[in-house]
Amino acid sequence: VEQTFGLTDLNRVHEKLIETTAGFHLVMPLARRPEMRRELGDVS
């Protein structure tokens, strides 16, 4: 999460390997969505 959450270049392969104890990841960011807060009255 620490190595990938800040990626912003959507639909493009990240140029660096992401290494974790379980293995290696090659990632492509697909989408981001902003924080959301909708109260009960908004969606009742």
PDB file of all heavy atoms in Angstrom:
ATOM      1  N   VAL A   1       0.842  -1.208   0.000  1.00  0.00           N
ATOM      2  CA  VAL A   1       0.000   0.000   0.000  1.00  0.00           C
ATOM      3  C   VAL A   1       0.870   1.248   0.000  1.00  0.00           C
ATOM      4  O   VAL A   1       0.623   2.204  -0.746  1.00  0.00           O
ATOM      5  CB  VAL A   1      -0.947  -0.012   1.205  1.00  0.00           C
ATOM      6  CG1 VAL A   1      -1.720   1.305   1.288  1.00  0.00           C
ATOM      7  CG2 VAL A   1      -1.905  -1.192   1.120  1.00  0.00           C
ATOM      8  N   GLU A   2       1.914   1.256   0.833  1.00  0.00           N
ATOM      9  CA  GLU A   2       2.785   2.424   0.945  1.00  0.00           C
ATOM     10  C   GLU A   2       3.442   2.768  -0.386  1.00  0.00           C
ATOM     11  O   GLU A   2       3.605   3.938  -0.732  1.00  0.00           O
ATOM     12  CB  GLU A   2       3.840   2.162   2.012  1.00  0.00           C
ATOM     13  CG  GLU A   2       4.768   3.343   2.263  1.00  0.00           C
ATOM     14  CD  GLU A   2       5.789   3.052   3.347  1.00  0.00           C
ATOM     15  OE1 GLU A   2       5.667   2.009   4.038  1.00  0.00           O
ATOM     16  OE2 GLU A   2       6.720   3.864   3.495  1.00  0.00           O
ATOM     17  N   GLN A   3       3.791   1.743  -1.161  1.00  0.00           N
ATOM     18  CA  GLN A   3       4.510   1.971  -2.421  1.00  0.00           C
ATOM     19  C   GLN A   3       3.572   2.279  -3.592  1.00  0.00           C
ATOM     20  O   GLN A   3       4.038   2.763  -4.633  1.00  0.00           O
ATOM     21  CB  GLN A   3       5.337   0.731  -2.783  1.00  0.00           C
ATOM     22  CG  GLN A   3       6.441   0.411  -1.793  1.00  0.00           C
ATOM     23  CD  GLN A   3       7.203  -0.851  -2.199  1.00  0.00           C
ATOM     24  OE1 GLN A   3       7.986  -0.837  -3.159  1.00  0.00           O
ATOM     25  NE2 GLN A   3       6.969  -1.941  -1.455  1.00  0.00           N
ATOM     26  N   THR A   4       2.289   2.007  -3.449  1.00  0.00           N
ATOM     27  CA  THR A   4       1.383   2.158  -4.591  1.00  0.00           C
ATOM     28  C   THR A   4       0.303   3.213  -4.413  1.00  0.00           C
ATOM     29  O   THR A   4      -0.230   3.720  -5.405  1.00  0.00           O
ATOM     30  CB  THR A   4       0.666   0.821  -4.896  1.00  0.00           C
ATOM     31  OG1 THR A   4      -0.100   0.409  -3.744  1.00  0.00           O
ATOM     32  CG2 THR A   4       1.665  -0.260  -5.260  1.00  0.00           C
ATOM     33  N   PHE A   5      -0.034   3.579  -3.165  1.00  0.00           N
ATOM     34  CA  PHE A   5      -1.209   4.421  -2.974  1.00  0.00           C
ATOM     35  C   PHE A   5      -1.041   5.808  -3.593  1.00  0.00           C
ATOM     36  O   PHE A   5      -2.018   6.429  -4.017  1.00  0.00           O
ATOM     37  CB  PHE A   5      -1.533   4.568  -1.478  1.00  0.00           C
ATOM     38  CG  PHE A   5      -2.892   5.140  -1.234  1.00  0.00           C
ATOM     39  CD1 PHE A   5      -4.027   4.351  -1.330  1.00  0.00           C
ATOM     40  CD2 PHE A   5      -3.048   6.484  -0.921  1.00  0.00           C
ATOM     41  CE1 PHE A   5      -5.284   4.881  -1.120  1.00  0.00           C
ATOM     42  CE2 PHE A   5      -4.305   7.022  -0.704  1.00  0.00           C
ATOM     43  CZ  PHE A   5      -5.430   6.214  -0.806  1.00  0.00           C
ATOM     44  N   GLY A   6       0.182   6.285  -3.691  1.00  0.00           N
ATOM     45  CA  GLY A   6       0.393   7.622  -4.238  1.00  0.00           C
ATOM     46  C   GLY A   6       0.463   7.680  -5.755  1.00  0.00           C
ATOM     47  O   GLY A   6       0.638   8.767  -6.323  1.00  0.00           O
ATOM     48  N   LEU A   7       0.347   6.538  -6.445  1.00  0.00           N
ATOM     49  CA  LEU A   7       0.438   6.537  -7.901  1.00  0.00           C
ATOM     50  C   LEU A   7      -0.747   7.267  -8.520  1.00  0.00           C
ATOM     51  O   LEU A   7      -1.898   7.051  -8.134  1.00  0.00           O
ATOM     52  CB  LEU A   7       0.510   5.102  -8.438  1.00  0.00           C
ATOM     53  CG  LEU A   7       1.704   4.265  -7.959  1.00  0.00           C
ATOM     54  CD1 LEU A   7       1.623   2.857  -8.514  1.00  0.00           C
ATOM     55  CD2 LEU A   7       3.021   4.934  -8.362  1.00  0.00           C
ATOM     56  N   THR A   8      -0.468   8.123  -9.494  1.00  0.00           N
ATOM     57  CA  THR A   8      -1.532   8.940 -10.099  1.00  0.00           C
ATOM     58  C   THR A   8      -1.622   8.792 -11.606  1.00  0.00           C
ATOM     59  O   THR A   8      -2.578   9.282 -12.205  1.00  0.00           O
ATOM     60  CB  THR A   8      -1.305  10.421  -9.771  1.00  0.00           C
ATOM     61  OG1 THR A   8       0.005  10.819 -10.241  1.00  0.00           O
ATOM     62  CG2 THR A   8      -1.391  10.664  -8.266  1.00  0.00           C
ATOM     63  N   ASP A   9      -0.646   8.132 -12.228  1.00  0.00           N
ATOM     64  CA  ASP A   9      -0.618   8.019 -13.691  1.00  0.00           C
ATOM     65  C   ASP A   9      -1.508   6.847 -14.112  1.00  0.00           C
ATOM     66  O   ASP A   9      -1.056   5.707 -14.236  1.00  0.00           O
ATOM     67  CB  ASP A   9       0.822   7.807 -14.158  1.00  0.00           C
ATOM     68  CG  ASP A   9       1.001   8.181 -15.625  1.00  0.00           C
ATOM     69  OD1 ASP A   9      -0.006   8.550 -16.258  1.00  0.00           O
ATOM     70  OD2 ASP A   9       2.129   8.085 -16.121  1.00  0.00           O
ATOM     71  N   LEU A  10      -2.791   7.137 -14.342  1.00  0.00           N
ATOM     72  CA  LEU A  10      -3.764   6.081 -14.586  1.00  0.00           C
ATOM     73  C   LEU A  10      -3.570   5.427 -15.953  1.00  0.00           C
ATOM     74  O   LEU A  10      -3.192   6.074 -16.939  1.00  0.00           O
ATOM     75  CB  LEU A  10      -5.187   6.645 -14.500  1.00  0.00           C
ATOM     76  CG  LEU A  10      -5.588   7.281 -13.161  1.00  0.00           C
ATOM     77  CD1 LEU A  10      -7.043   7.724 -13.198  1.00  0.00           C
ATOM     78  CD2 LEU A  10      -5.335   6.331 -12.003  1.00  0.00           C
ATOM     79  N   ASN A  11      -3.834   4.126 -15.988  1.00  0.00           N
ATOM     80  CA  ASN A  11      -3.792   3.315 -17.213  1.00  0.00           C
ATOM     81  C   ASN A  11      -2.404   3.294 -17.851  1.00  0.00           C
ATOM     82  O   ASN A  11      -2.278   3.129 -19.068  1.00  0.00           O
ATOM     83  CB  ASN A  11      -4.842   3.799 -18.230  1.00  0.00           C
ATOM     84  CG  ASN A  11      -6.258   3.608 -17.722  1.00  0.00           C
ATOM     85  OD1 ASN A  11      -6.575   2.575 -17.139  1.00  0.00           O
ATOM     86  ND2 ASN A  11      -7.098   4.610 -17.916  1.00  0.00           N
ATOM     87  N   ARG A  12      -1.396   3.442 -17.043  1.00  0.00           N
ATOM     88  CA  ARG A  12      -0.014   3.326 -17.515  1.00  0.00           C
ATOM     89  C   ARG A  12       0.744   2.428 -16.538  1.00  0.00           C
ATOM     90  O   ARG A  12       0.606   2.545 -15.311  1.00  0.00           O
ATOM     91  CB  ARG A  12       0.665   4.696 -17.617  1.00  0.00           C
ATOM     92  CG  ARG A  12       0.038   5.606 -18.673  1.00  0.00           C
ATOM     93  CD  ARG A  12       0.708   6.974 -18.678  1.00  0.00           C
ATOM     94  NE  ARG A  12       2.084   6.902 -19.131  1.00  0.00           N
ATOM     95  CZ  ARG A  12       2.444   6.961 -20.410  1.00  0.00           C
ATOM     96  NH1 ARG A  12       1.547   7.076 -21.360  1.00  0.00           N
ATOM     97  NH2 ARG A  12       3.720   6.906 -20.734  1.00  0.00           N
ATOM     98  N   VAL A  13       1.566   1.549 -17.086  1.00  0.00           N
ATOM     99  CA  VAL A  13       2.327   0.618 -16.253  1.00  0.00           C
ATOM    100  C   VAL A  13       3.346   1.385 -15.418  1.00  0.00           C
ATOM    101  O   VAL A  13       4.098   2.210 -15.941  1.00  0.00           O
ATOM    102  CB  VAL A  13       3.050  -0.430 -17.130  1.00  0.00           C
ATOM    103  CG1 VAL A  13       3.819  -1.412 -16.248  1.00  0.00           C
ATOM    104  CG2 VAL A  13       2.053  -1.174 -18.015  1.00  0.00           C
ATOM    105  N   HIS A  14       3.332   1.135 -14.125  1.00  0.00           N
ATOM    106  CA  HIS A  14       4.337   1.756 -13.248  1.00  0.00           C
ATOM    107  C   HIS A  14       5.706   1.168 -13.575  1.00  0.00           C
ATOM    108  O   HIS A  14       5.873  -0.039 -13.747  1.00  0.00           O
ATOM    109  CB  HIS A  14       3.990   1.486 -11.785  1.00  0.00           C
ATOM    110  CG  HIS A  14       4.907   2.118 -10.815  1.00  0.00           C
ATOM    111  ND1 HIS A  14       5.240   3.453 -10.846  1.00  0.00           N
ATOM    112  CD2 HIS A  14       5.599   1.590  -9.745  1.00  0.00           C
ATOM    113  CE1 HIS A  14       6.062   3.739  -9.870  1.00  0.00           C
ATOM    114  NE2 HIS A  14       6.302   2.621  -9.183  1.00  0.00           N
ATOM    115  N   GLU A  15       6.722   2.024 -13.679  1.00  0.00           N
ATOM    116  CA  GLU A  15       8.013   1.612 -14.221  1.00  0.00           C
ATOM    117  C   GLU A  15       8.885   0.850 -13.225  1.00  0.00           C
ATOM    118  O   GLU A  15       9.939   0.335 -13.601  1.00  0.00           O
ATOM    119  CB  GLU A  15       8.773   2.841 -14.726  1.00  0.00           C
ATOM    120  CG  GLU A  15       8.064   3.532 -15.894  1.00  0.00           C
ATOM    121  CD  GLU A  15       8.824   4.761 -16.381  1.00  0.00           C
ATOM    122  OE1 GLU A  15       9.796   5.149 -15.696  1.00  0.00           O
ATOM    123  OE2 GLU A  15       8.456   5.315 -17.422  1.00  0.00           O
ATOM    124  N   LYS A  16       8.467   0.755 -11.991  1.00  0.00           N
ATOM    125  CA  LYS A  16       9.298   0.075 -10.989  1.00  0.00           C
ATOM    126  C   LYS A  16       8.565  -1.131 -10.414  1.00  0.00           C
ATOM    127  O   LYS A  16       7.342  -1.134 -10.291  1.00  0.00           O
ATOM    128  CB  LYS A  16       9.670   1.038  -9.856  1.00  0.00           C
ATOM    129  CG  LYS A  16      10.534   2.210 -10.297  1.00  0.00           C
ATOM    130  CD  LYS A  16      10.873   3.098  -9.112  1.00  0.00           C
ATOM    131  CE  LYS A  16      11.762   4.270  -9.528  1.00  0.00           C
ATOM    132  NZ  LYS A  16      12.105   5.153  -8.383  1.00  0.00           N
ATOM    133  N   LEU A  17       9.336  -2.144 -10.053  1.00  0.00           N
ATOM    134  CA  LEU A  17       8.772  -3.290  -9.353  1.00  0.00           C
ATOM    135  C   LEU A  17       8.380  -2.885  -7.935  1.00  0.00           C
ATOM    136  O   LEU A  17       9.046  -2.092  -7.299  1.00  0.00           O
ATOM    137  CB  LEU A  17       9.792  -4.425  -9.266  1.00  0.00           C
ATOM    138  CG  LEU A  17      10.100  -5.219 -10.543  1.00  0.00           C
ATOM    139  CD1 LEU A  17      11.169  -6.260 -10.239  1.00  0.00           C
ATOM    140  CD2 LEU A  17       8.846  -5.891 -11.086  1.00  0.00           C
ATOM    141  N   ILE A  18       7.278  -3.460  -7.460  1.00  0.00           N
ATOM    142  CA  ILE A  18       6.862  -3.293  -6.071  1.00  0.00           C
ATOM    143  C   ILE A  18       7.220  -4.593  -5.360  1.00  0.00           C
ATOM    144  O   ILE A  18       6.699  -5.663  -5.677  1.00  0.00           O
ATOM    145  CB  ILE A  18       5.351  -3.026  -5.966  1.00  0.00           C
ATOM    146  CG1 ILE A  18       4.950  -1.837  -6.855  1.00  0.00           C
ATOM    147  CG2 ILE A  18       4.952  -2.817  -4.530  1.00  0.00           C
ATOM    148  CD1 ILE A  18       5.612  -0.537  -6.482  1.00  0.00           C
ATOM    149  N   GLU A  19       8.132  -4.503  -4.395  1.00  0.00           N
ATOM    150  CA  GLU A  19       8.590  -5.710  -3.707  1.00  0.00           C
ATOM    151  C   GLU A  19       7.973  -5.801  -2.311  1.00  0.00           C
ATOM    152  O   GLU A  19       7.973  -4.843  -1.548  1.00  0.00           O
ATOM    153  CB  GLU A  19      10.119  -5.705  -3.588  1.00  0.00           C
ATOM    154  CG  GLU A  19      10.664  -6.976  -2.953  1.00  0.00           C
ATOM    155  CD  GLU A  19      12.193  -7.033  -2.963  1.00  0.00           C
ATOM    156  OE1 GLU A  19      12.817  -6.085  -3.498  1.00  0.00           O
ATOM    157  OE2 GLU A  19      12.741  -8.028  -2.440  1.00  0.00           O
ATOM    158  N   THR A  20       7.461  -7.006  -2.003  1.00  0.00           N
ATOM    159  CA  THR A  20       6.946  -7.309  -0.661  1.00  0.00           C
ATOM    160  C   THR A  20       7.514  -8.661  -0.243  1.00  0.00           C
ATOM    161  O   THR A  20       8.163  -9.350  -1.043  1.00  0.00           O
ATOM    162  CB  THR A  20       5.405  -7.381  -0.658  1.00  0.00           C
ATOM    163  OG1 THR A  20       4.973  -8.489  -1.454  1.00  0.00           O
ATOM    164  CG2 THR A  20       4.781  -6.104  -1.203  1.00  0.00           C
ATOM    165  N   THR A  21       7.262  -9.044   0.984  1.00  0.00           N
ATOM    166  CA  THR A  21       7.775 -10.342   1.449  1.00  0.00           C
ATOM    167  C   THR A  21       7.169 -11.491   0.660  1.00  0.00           C
ATOM    168  O   THR A  21       7.803 -12.546   0.509  1.00  0.00           O
ATOM    169  CB  THR A  21       7.454 -10.521   2.942  1.00  0.00           C
ATOM    170  OG1 THR A  21       6.051 -10.369   3.135  1.00  0.00           O
ATOM    171  CG2 THR A  21       8.200  -9.496   3.790  1.00  0.00           C
ATOM    172  N   ALA A  22       5.942 -11.304   0.139  1.00  0.00           N
ATOM    173  CA  ALA A  22       5.265 -12.387  -0.587  1.00  0.00           C
ATOM    174  C   ALA A  22       5.729 -12.504  -2.031  1.00  0.00           C
ATOM    175  O   ALA A  22       5.532 -13.547  -2.656  1.00  0.00           O
ATOM    176  CB  ALA A  22       3.754 -12.174  -0.555  1.00  0.00           C
ATOM    177  N   GLY A  23       6.354 -11.464  -2.568  1.00  0.00           N
ATOM    178  CA  GLY A  23       6.782 -11.527  -3.949  1.00  0.00           C
ATOM    179  C   GLY A  23       6.916 -10.161  -4.580  1.00  0.00           C
ATOM    180  O   GLY A  23       7.095  -9.144  -3.885  1.00  0.00           O
ATOM    181  N   PHE A  24       6.816 -10.124  -5.904  1.00  0.00           N
ATOM    182  CA  PHE A  24       7.000  -8.888  -6.667  1.00  0.00           C
ATOM    183  C   PHE A  24       5.699  -8.556  -7.406  1.00  0.00           C
ATOM    184  O   PHE A  24       4.992  -9.441  -7.889  1.00  0.00           O
ATOM    185  CB  PHE A  24       8.155  -9.039  -7.657  1.00  0.00           C
ATOM    186  CG  PHE A  24       9.471  -9.332  -7.000  1.00  0.00           C
ATOM    187  CD1 PHE A  24       9.898 -10.641  -6.803  1.00  0.00           C
ATOM    188  CD2 PHE A  24      10.289  -8.295  -6.545  1.00  0.00           C
ATOM    189  CE1 PHE A  24      11.102 -10.921  -6.185  1.00  0.00           C
ATOM    190  CE2 PHE A  24      11.503  -8.568  -5.928  1.00  0.00           C
ATOM    191  CZ  PHE A  24      11.912  -9.887  -5.745  1.00  0.00           C
ATOM    192  N   HIS A  25       5.423  -7.250  -7.503  1.00  0.00           N
ATOM    193  CA  HIS A  25       4.199  -6.779  -8.147  1.00  0.00           C
ATOM    194  C   HIS A  25       4.550  -5.819  -9.271  1.00  0.00           C
ATOM    195  O   HIS A  25       5.405  -4.949  -9.112  1.00  0.00           O
ATOM    196  CB  HIS A  25       3.291  -6.058  -7.147  1.00  0.00           C
ATOM    197  CG  HIS A  25       2.856  -6.921  -6.012  1.00  0.00           C
ATOM    198  ND1 HIS A  25       1.638  -7.553  -5.975  1.00  0.00           N
ATOM    199  CD2 HIS A  25       3.481  -7.241  -4.843  1.00  0.00           C
ATOM    200  CE1 HIS A  25       1.514  -8.222  -4.833  1.00  0.00           C
ATOM    201  NE2 HIS A  25       2.635  -8.055  -4.133  1.00  0.00           N
ATOM    202  N   LEU A  26       3.878  -6.003 -10.418  1.00  0.00           N
ATOM    203  CA  LEU A  26       3.936  -5.051 -11.516  1.00  0.00           C
ATOM    204  C   LEU A  26       2.535  -4.456 -11.607  1.00  0.00           C
ATOM    205  O   LEU A  26       1.563  -5.187 -11.824  1.00  0.00           O
ATOM    206  CB  LEU A  26       4.283  -5.713 -12.846  1.00  0.00           C
ATOM    207  CG  LEU A  26       5.675  -6.336 -13.022  1.00  0.00           C
ATOM    208  CD1 LEU A  26       5.853  -7.569 -12.143  1.00  0.00           C
ATOM    209  CD2 LEU A  26       5.879  -6.722 -14.478  1.00  0.00           C
ATOM    210  N   VAL A  27       2.414  -3.155 -11.417  1.00  0.00           N
ATOM    211  CA  VAL A  27       1.080  -2.587 -11.252  1.00  0.00           C
ATOM    212  C   VAL A  27       0.776  -1.532 -12.300  1.00  0.00           C
ATOM    213  O   VAL A  27       1.674  -0.866 -12.830  1.00  0.00           O
ATOM    214  CB  VAL A  27       0.901  -1.977  -9.848  1.00  0.00           C
ATOM    215  CG1 VAL A  27       1.108  -3.046  -8.782  1.00  0.00           C
ATOM    216  CG2 VAL A  27       1.841  -0.810  -9.626  1.00  0.00           C
ATOM    217  N   MET A  28      -0.515  -1.400 -12.573  1.00  0.00           N
ATOM    218  CA  MET A  28      -1.044  -0.317 -13.405  1.00  0.00           C
ATOM    219  C   MET A  28      -2.221   0.306 -12.656  1.00  0.00           C
ATOM    220  O   MET A  28      -3.224  -0.361 -12.412  1.00  0.00           O
ATOM    221  CB  MET A  28      -1.521  -0.841 -14.772  1.00  0.00           C
ATOM    222  CG  MET A  28      -2.257   0.228 -15.593  1.00  0.00           C
ATOM    223  SD  MET A  28      -2.981  -0.420 -17.120  1.00  0.00           S
ATOM    224  CE  MET A  28      -1.510  -0.482 -18.134  1.00  0.00           C
ATOM    225  N   PRO A  29      -2.125   1.572 -12.259  1.00  0.00           N
ATOM    226  CA  PRO A  29      -3.268   2.232 -11.618  1.00  0.00           C
ATOM    227  C   PRO A  29      -4.441   2.337 -12.592  1.00  0.00           C
ATOM    228  O   PRO A  29      -4.276   2.781 -13.739  1.00  0.00           O
ATOM    229  CB  PRO A  29      -2.726   3.624 -11.266  1.00  0.00           C
ATOM    230  CG  PRO A  29      -1.233   3.460 -11.242  1.00  0.00           C
ATOM    231  CD  PRO A  29      -0.931   2.438 -12.297  1.00  0.00           C
ATOM    232  N   LEU A  30      -5.600   1.900 -12.146  1.00  0.00           N
ATOM    233  CA  LEU A  30      -6.785   1.922 -12.998  1.00  0.00           C
ATOM    234  C   LEU A  30      -7.708   3.088 -12.691  1.00  0.00           C
ATOM    235  O   LEU A  30      -8.326   3.653 -13.593  1.00  0.00           O
ATOM    236  CB  LEU A  30      -7.568   0.609 -12.836  1.00  0.00           C
ATOM    237  CG  LEU A  30      -6.833  -0.671 -13.224  1.00  0.00           C
ATOM    238  CD1 LEU A  30      -7.723  -1.885 -12.969  1.00  0.00           C
ATOM    239  CD2 LEU A  30      -6.400  -0.622 -14.689  1.00  0.00           C
ATOM    240  N   ALA A  31      -7.835   3.423 -11.414  1.00  0.00           N
ATOM    241  CA  ALA A  31      -8.769   4.502 -11.043  1.00  0.00           C
ATOM    242  C   ALA A  31      -8.476   4.976  -9.631  1.00  0.00           C
ATOM    243  O   ALA A  31      -7.920   4.241  -8.817  1.00  0.00           O
ATOM    244  CB  ALA A  31     -10.212   4.009 -11.145  1.00  0.00           C
ATOM    245  N   ARG A  32      -8.871   6.219  -9.365  1.00  0.00           N
ATOM    246  CA  ARG A  32      -8.846   6.769  -8.012  1.00  0.00           C
ATOM    247  C   ARG A  32     -10.214   7.380  -7.751  1.00  0.00           C
ATOM    248  O   ARG A  32     -10.879   7.860  -8.675  1.00  0.00           O
ATOM    249  CB  ARG A  32      -7.775   7.854  -7.857  1.00  0.00           C
ATOM    250  CG  ARG A  32      -6.362   7.394  -8.044  1.00  0.00           C
ATOM    251  CD  ARG A  32      -5.386   8.504  -7.646  1.00  0.00           C
ATOM    252  NE  ARG A  32      -5.366   8.687  -6.193  1.00  0.00           N
ATOM    253  CZ  ARG A  32      -4.508   8.055  -5.385  1.00  0.00           C
ATOM    254  NH1 ARG A  32      -3.594   7.231  -5.876  1.00  0.00           N
ATOM    255  NH2 ARG A  32      -4.545   8.264  -4.081  1.00  0.00           N
ATOM    256  N   ARG A  33     -10.632   7.340  -6.508  1.00  0.00           N
ATOM    257  CA  ARG A  33     -11.854   8.054  -6.176  1.00  0.00           C
ATOM    258  C   ARG A  33     -11.654   8.784  -4.857  1.00  0.00           C
ATOM    259  O   ARG A  33     -11.019   8.275  -3.928  1.00  0.00           O
ATOM    260  CB  ARG A  33     -13.064   7.146  -6.132  1.00  0.00           C
ATOM    261  CG  ARG A  33     -12.997   5.942  -5.246  1.00  0.00           C
ATOM    262  CD  ARG A  33     -14.204   5.043  -5.530  1.00  0.00           C
ATOM    263  NE  ARG A  33     -14.280   3.897  -4.635  1.00  0.00           N
ATOM    264  CZ  ARG A  33     -15.143   2.894  -4.775  1.00  0.00           C
ATOM    265  NH1 ARG A  33     -15.994   2.900  -5.792  1.00  0.00           N
ATOM    266  NH2 ARG A  33     -15.153   1.893  -3.922  1.00  0.00           N
ATOM    267  N   PRO A  34     -12.184  10.007  -4.782  1.00  0.00           N
ATOM    268  CA  PRO A  34     -11.924  10.865  -3.618  1.00  0.00           C
ATOM    269  C   PRO A  34     -12.711  10.401  -2.395  1.00  0.00           C
ATOM    270  O   PRO A  34     -13.605   9.547  -2.471  1.00  0.00           O
ATOM    271  CB  PRO A  34     -12.409  12.232  -4.093  1.00  0.00           C
ATOM    272  CG  PRO A  34     -13.482  11.918  -5.093  1.00  0.00           C
ATOM    273  CD  PRO A  34     -13.021  10.675  -5.803  1.00  0.00           C
ATOM    274  N   GLU A  35     -12.384  10.990  -1.282  1.00  0.00           N
ATOM    275  CA  GLU A  35     -13.105  10.724  -0.048  1.00  0.00           C
ATOM    276  C   GLU A  35     -14.581  11.087  -0.226  1.00  0.00           C
ATOM    277  O   GLU A  35     -14.926  12.053  -0.917  1.00  0.00           O
ATOM    278  CB  GLU A  35     -12.500  11.548   1.096  1.00  0.00           C
ATOM    279  CG  GLU A  35     -13.210  11.373   2.425  1.00  0.00           C
ATOM    280  CD  GLU A  35     -12.631  12.263   3.490  1.00  0.00           C
ATOM    281  OE1 GLU A  35     -11.741  13.076   3.175  1.00  0.00           O
ATOM    282  OE2 GLU A  35     -13.069  12.155   4.654  1.00  0.00           O
ATOM    283  N   MET A  36     -15.447  10.322   0.394  1.00  0.00           N
ATOM    284  CA  MET A  36     -16.882  10.566   0.279  1.00  0.00           C
ATOM    285  C   MET A  36     -17.517  10.494   1.662  1.00  0.00           C
ATOM    286  O   MET A  36     -17.170   9.628   2.467  1.00  0.00           O
ATOM    287  CB  MET A  36     -17.533   9.526  -0.638  1.00  0.00           C
ATOM    288  CG  MET A  36     -19.046   9.707  -0.789  1.00  0.00           C
ATOM    289  SD  MET A  36     -19.804   8.437  -1.837  1.00  0.00           S
ATOM    290  CE  MET A  36     -19.614   6.995  -0.777  1.00  0.00           C
ATOM    291  N   ARG A  37     -18.455  11.405   1.913  1.00  0.00           N
ATOM    292  CA  ARG A  37     -19.218  11.371   3.161  1.00  0.00           C
ATOM    293  C   ARG A  37     -20.642  11.855   2.862  1.00  0.00           C
ATOM    294  O   ARG A  37     -20.874  13.033   2.594  1.00  0.00           O
ATOM    295  CB  ARG A  37     -18.574  12.252   4.219  1.00  0.00           C
ATOM    296  CG  ARG A  37     -19.326  12.255   5.552  1.00  0.00           C
ATOM    297  CD  ARG A  37     -18.526  12.961   6.621  1.00  0.00           C
ATOM    298  NE  ARG A  37     -17.314  12.215   6.939  1.00  0.00           N
ATOM    299  CZ  ARG A  37     -17.273  11.192   7.799  1.00  0.00           C
ATOM    300  NH1 ARG A  37     -18.376  10.785   8.412  1.00  0.00           N
ATOM    301  NH2 ARG A  37     -16.134  10.586   8.051  1.00  0.00           N
ATOM    302  N   ARG A  38     -21.582  10.927   2.903  1.00  0.00           N
ATOM    303  CA  ARG A  38     -22.990  11.246   2.662  1.00  0.00           C
ATOM    304  C   ARG A  38     -23.783  10.862   3.904  1.00  0.00           C
ATOM    305  O   ARG A  38     -23.808   9.704   4.309  1.00  0.00           O
ATOM    306  CB  ARG A  38     -23.509  10.496   1.433  1.00  0.00           C
ATOM    307  CG  ARG A  38     -22.709  10.777   0.167  1.00  0.00           C
ATOM    308  CD  ARG A  38     -23.198   9.944  -1.002  1.00  0.00           C
ATOM    309  NE  ARG A  38     -24.524  10.354  -1.440  1.00  0.00           N
ATOM    310  CZ  ARG A  38     -25.231   9.695  -2.353  1.00  0.00           C
ATOM    311  NH1 ARG A  38     -24.743   8.579  -2.882  1.00  0.00           N
ATOM    312  NH2 ARG A  38     -26.428  10.115  -2.702  1.00  0.00           N
ATOM    313  N   GLU A  39     -24.444  11.836   4.493  1.00  0.00           N
ATOM    314  CA  GLU A  39     -25.199  11.603   5.721  1.00  0.00           C
ATOM    315  C   GLU A  39     -26.526  10.910   5.399  1.00  0.00           C
ATOM    316  O   GLU A  39     -26.976  10.867   4.250  1.00  0.00           O
ATOM    317  CB  GLU A  39     -25.441  12.925   6.447  1.00  0.00           C
ATOM    318  CG  GLU A  39     -24.180  13.691   6.795  1.00  0.00           C
ATOM    319  CD  GLU A  39     -23.276  12.924   7.755  1.00  0.00           C
ATOM    320  OE1 GLU A  39     -23.788  12.033   8.474  1.00  0.00           O
ATOM    321  OE2 GLU A  39     -22.062  13.211   7.785  1.00  0.00           O
ATOM    322  N   LEU A  40     -27.155  10.405   6.456  1.00  0.00           N
ATOM    323  CA  LEU A  40     -28.415   9.679   6.288  1.00  0.00           C
ATOM    324  C   LEU A  40     -29.461  10.519   5.570  1.00  0.00           C
ATOM    325  O   LEU A  40     -30.174  10.026   4.690  1.00  0.00           O
ATOM    326  CB  LEU A  40     -28.944   9.233   7.652  1.00  0.00           C
ATOM    327  CG  LEU A  40     -30.311   8.540   7.658  1.00  0.00           C
ATOM    328  CD1 LEU A  40     -30.294   7.291   6.796  1.00  0.00           C
ATOM    329  CD2 LEU A  40     -30.738   8.202   9.088  1.00  0.00           C
ATOM    330  N   GLY A  41     -29.555  11.791   5.937  1.00  0.00           N
ATOM    331  CA  GLY A  41     -30.546  12.655   5.297  1.00  0.00           C
ATOM    332  C   GLY A  41     -30.343  12.811   3.807  1.00  0.00           C
ATOM    333  O   GLY A  41     -31.289  13.063   3.057  1.00  0.00           O
ATOM    334  N   ASP A  42     -29.092  12.654   3.356  1.00  0.00           N
ATOM    335  CA  ASP A  42     -28.793  12.802   1.925  1.00  0.00           C
ATOM    336  C   ASP A  42     -29.247  11.602   1.107  1.00  0.00           C
ATOM    337  O   ASP A  42     -29.456  11.718  -0.108  1.00  0.00           O
ATOM    338  CB  ASP A  42     -27.289  13.012   1.721  1.00  0.00           C
ATOM    339  CG  ASP A  42     -26.765  14.234   2.460  1.00  0.00           C
ATOM    340  OD1 ASP A  42     -27.526  15.218   2.574  1.00  0.00           O
ATOM    341  OD2 ASP A  42     -25.611  14.202   2.923  1.00  0.00           O
ATOM    342  N   VAL A  43     -29.355  10.446   1.751  1.00  0.00           N
ATOM    343  CA  VAL A  43     -29.613   9.209   1.000  1.00  0.00           C
ATOM    344  C   VAL A  43     -30.874   8.488   1.467  1.00  0.00           C
ATOM    345  O   VAL A  43     -31.136   7.374   1.037  1.00  0.00           O
ATOM    346  CB  VAL A  43     -28.402   8.248   1.120  1.00  0.00           C
ATOM    347  CG1 VAL A  43     -27.169   8.867   0.479  1.00  0.00           C
ATOM    348  CG2 VAL A  43     -28.135   7.888   2.580  1.00  0.00           C
ATOM    349  N   SER A  44     -31.667   9.123   2.330  1.00  0.00           N
ATOM    350  CA  SER A  44     -32.821   8.429   2.905  1.00  0.00           C
ATOM    351  C   SER A  44     -33.818   7.974   1.839  1.00  0.00           C
ATOM    352  O   SER A  44     -34.391   6.881   1.949  1.00  0.00           O
ATOM    353  CB  SER A  44     -33.521   9.331   3.931  1.00  0.00           C
ATOM    354  OG  SER A  44     -33.935  10.548   3.329  1.00  0.00           O
TER     355      SER A  44
END
